[in-house]
Amino acid sequence: MLFLNLQKPVQAKLVGSTVVAAFRNSNPSIVWKFDLERNHSFTLALQGEEDDFELGVTSSKGEFYSVARFASREEAEEALLAIQKVLMKKKWSRLRTVLTGAVGLFAIIVVYSFLNNLAGHTVLRKAPVNTSAPNQPAQIENGVPMPADQVLQPPSQ
């Protein structure tokens, strides 16, 4: 795998929905792939004592599946932390995506409301009855509907 750094004893990356990790200090050295879409419920765990520690996955049924063996607890913990870091980034990236979408939707609603109010939408009021003399032009008010015959009367002489 070209994307893994050869100097680090443990390195993990998220490739799509798969965790890919290289454990160079495990016995034997391995590259591990774990599909997060197929494995929804799991726990990463360390087991062992003295000179033999295992990093593994515990299923929702409580079954432990060994992934890699390490000679020291420090090496096993380093591997666990590398995987944990990748998994936490995935969790936060989803949350960040959801929050960004929610903020974007809220911004669109606010802008739409602002532009709607800016356009001058008013509640239409009932046109007043024209009590002026027949030769007087009607008073024109913004936002108040009135018949065209009242507006288009010729000026009085």
Protein backbone atom coordinates (compact mmCIF):
# COMPACT_ATOMS: atom_id res chain seq x y z
CA MET A 1 0.00 0.00 0.00
CA LEU A 2 1.66 3.19 -1.14
CA PHE A 3 -0.20 5.57 1.16
CA LEU A 4 1.24 4.05 4.34
CA ASN A 5 4.38 5.67 5.74
CA LEU A 6 7.23 3.15 6.07
CA GLN A 7 8.85 4.90 9.06
CA LYS A 8 5.93 4.57 11.48
CA PRO A 9 5.49 1.24 13.29
CA VAL A 10 1.70 1.66 13.20
CA GLN A 11 -0.35 3.64 10.71
CA ALA A 12 -4.07 3.63 9.98
CA LYS A 13 -6.19 5.33 7.33
CA LEU A 14 -9.83 5.40 6.39
CA VAL A 15 -10.38 4.45 2.75
CA GLY A 16 -14.05 4.96 1.96
CA SER A 17 -15.81 2.98 4.68
CA THR A 18 -12.85 0.65 5.30
CA VAL A 19 -10.18 1.06 7.96
CA VAL A 20 -6.77 0.01 6.61
CA ALA A 21 -3.95 -0.32 9.13
CA ALA A 22 -0.33 -1.43 8.91
CA PHE A 23 1.17 -2.96 12.05
CA ARG A 24 4.90 -3.19 11.33
CA ASN A 25 5.80 -3.95 14.94
CA SER A 26 3.30 -6.80 15.32
CA ASN A 27 4.34 -10.43 15.21
CA PRO A 28 4.04 -11.06 12.29
CA SER A 29 3.83 -7.64 10.58
CA ILE A 30 0.43 -7.28 8.94
CA VAL A 31 -1.84 -4.97 6.99
CA TRP A 32 -5.41 -5.17 8.29
CA LYS A 33 -8.63 -4.13 6.54
CA PHE A 34 -11.91 -3.70 8.40
CA ASP A 35 -15.17 -2.83 6.59
CA LEU A 36 -17.24 -0.46 8.75
CA GLU A 37 -20.38 -0.86 6.63
CA ARG A 38 -20.56 -4.60 7.23
CA ASN A 39 -19.50 -4.36 10.90
CA HIS A 40 -21.82 -1.90 12.62
CA SER A 41 -21.42 -3.00 16.23
CA PHE A 42 -17.95 -3.84 17.52
CA THR A 43 -15.40 -2.94 20.17
CA LEU A 44 -11.64 -2.70 19.81
CA ALA A 45 -9.87 -4.38 22.71
CA LEU A 46 -6.47 -5.38 24.07
CA GLN A 47 -5.94 -8.74 25.71
CA GLY A 48 -2.87 -10.46 27.06
CA GLU A 49 -0.13 -10.33 29.65
CA GLU A 50 3.62 -9.74 29.96
CA ASP A 51 5.21 -10.32 26.52
CA ASP A 52 2.11 -11.29 24.54
CA PHE A 53 -0.63 -8.74 23.83
CA GLU A 54 -3.34 -8.99 21.21
CA LEU A 55 -5.27 -6.19 19.57
CA GLY A 56 -8.62 -7.48 18.48
CA VAL A 57 -12.24 -6.84 17.71
CA THR A 58 -15.00 -7.94 20.05
CA SER A 59 -18.33 -8.61 18.33
CA SER A 60 -21.71 -7.61 19.72
CA LYS A 61 -22.02 -11.24 20.92
CA GLY A 62 -18.87 -10.86 23.02
CA GLU A 63 -16.60 -12.96 20.79
CA PHE A 64 -12.98 -11.73 20.58
CA TYR A 65 -11.26 -11.91 17.18
CA SER A 66 -7.50 -11.31 17.28
CA VAL A 67 -6.15 -8.86 14.72
CA ALA A 68 -2.47 -8.53 15.66
CA ARG A 69 -0.03 -9.75 18.36
CA PHE A 70 2.51 -7.47 20.02
CA ALA A 71 5.51 -8.11 22.25
CA SER A 72 4.75 -5.19 24.60
CA ARG A 73 1.72 -3.44 25.99
CA GLU A 74 3.04 -0.08 24.68
CA GLU A 75 3.14 -1.37 21.09
CA ALA A 76 -0.39 -2.79 21.40
CA GLU A 77 -1.68 0.49 22.88
CA GLU A 78 -0.03 2.46 20.06
CA ALA A 79 -1.90 0.29 17.54
CA LEU A 80 -5.18 0.71 19.42
CA LEU A 81 -4.76 4.49 19.54
CA ALA A 82 -4.03 4.67 15.79
CA ILE A 83 -7.25 2.81 14.98
CA GLN A 84 -9.21 4.86 17.52
CA LYS A 85 -7.97 8.10 15.97
CA VAL A 86 -9.18 7.04 12.50
CA LEU A 87 -12.57 5.93 13.82
CA MET A 88 -13.09 9.17 15.73
CA LYS A 89 -12.27 11.23 12.65
CA LYS A 90 -14.96 9.35 10.72
CA LYS A 91 -17.51 9.99 13.46
CA TRP A 92 -16.73 13.71 13.59
CA SER A 93 -16.61 14.07 9.81
CA ARG A 94 -20.17 12.70 9.60
CA LEU A 95 -21.28 15.06 12.36
CA ARG A 96 -19.53 17.95 10.64
CA THR A 97 -21.29 17.09 7.35
CA VAL A 98 -24.70 16.96 9.03
CA LEU A 99 -24.11 20.23 10.90
CA THR A 100 -22.83 21.95 7.76
CA GLY A 101 -25.96 20.85 5.89
CA ALA A 102 -28.23 22.05 8.70
CA VAL A 103 -26.47 25.43 8.88
CA GLY A 104 -26.67 25.76 5.09
CA LEU A 105 -30.39 24.98 5.08
CA PHE A 106 -30.97 27.48 7.90
CA ALA A 107 -29.02 30.14 5.97
CA ILE A 108 -31.12 29.52 2.85
CA ILE A 109 -34.33 29.89 4.87
CA VAL A 110 -33.10 33.14 6.48
CA VAL A 111 -32.04 34.61 3.12
CA TYR A 112 -35.35 33.58 1.52
CA SER A 113 -37.32 35.18 4.37
CA PHE A 114 -35.25 38.35 4.17
CA LEU A 115 -35.69 38.65 0.40
CA ASN A 116 -39.40 37.94 0.73
CA ASN A 117 -39.80 40.80 3.22
CA LEU A 118 -37.52 43.06 1.17
CA ALA A 119 -39.73 42.56 -1.89
CA GLY A 120 -42.51 44.34 -0.02
CA HIS A 121 -45.07 41.59 0.24
CA THR A 122 -47.92 43.11 2.18
CA VAL A 123 -51.29 41.83 3.17
CA LEU A 124 -53.85 43.09 0.71
CA ARG A 125 -56.43 45.37 2.19
CA LYS A 126 -59.95 45.84 0.90
CA ALA A 127 -60.25 48.78 -1.48
CA PRO A 128 -62.03 51.76 0.05
CA VAL A 129 -65.27 52.84 -1.50
CA ASN A 130 -64.71 55.90 -3.71
CA THR A 131 -66.71 58.69 -2.10
CA SER A 132 -65.14 61.43 -4.20
CA ALA A 133 -67.06 63.20 -6.90
CA PRO A 134 -67.36 61.33 -10.20
CA ASN A 135 -64.92 63.71 -11.93
CA GLN A 136 -62.28 63.46 -9.18
CA PRO A 137 -59.47 60.93 -9.75
CA ALA A 138 -59.22 58.25 -7.11
CA GLN A 139 -56.50 58.34 -4.44
CA ILE A 140 -53.94 55.64 -5.25
CA GLU A 141 -52.35 53.82 -2.30
CA ASN A 142 -49.54 51.31 -2.53
CA GLY A 143 -50.65 47.76 -1.81
CA VAL A 144 -54.38 48.56 -1.98
CA PRO A 145 -56.22 47.02 -4.93
CA MET A 146 -58.74 49.13 -6.80
CA PRO A 147 -60.69 48.90 -10.04
CA ALA A 148 -58.93 50.18 -13.16
CA ASP A 149 -61.95 52.39 -14.01
CA GLN A 150 -61.27 54.46 -10.88
CA VAL A 151 -57.55 54.82 -11.63
CA LEU A 152 -57.96 55.63 -15.33
CA GLN A 153 -60.54 58.42 -15.01
CA PRO A 154 -59.69 61.54 -16.97
CA PRO A 155 -58.66 64.54 -14.88
CA SER A 156 -61.43 66.89 -13.84
CA GLN A 157 -61.76 70.16 -15.72
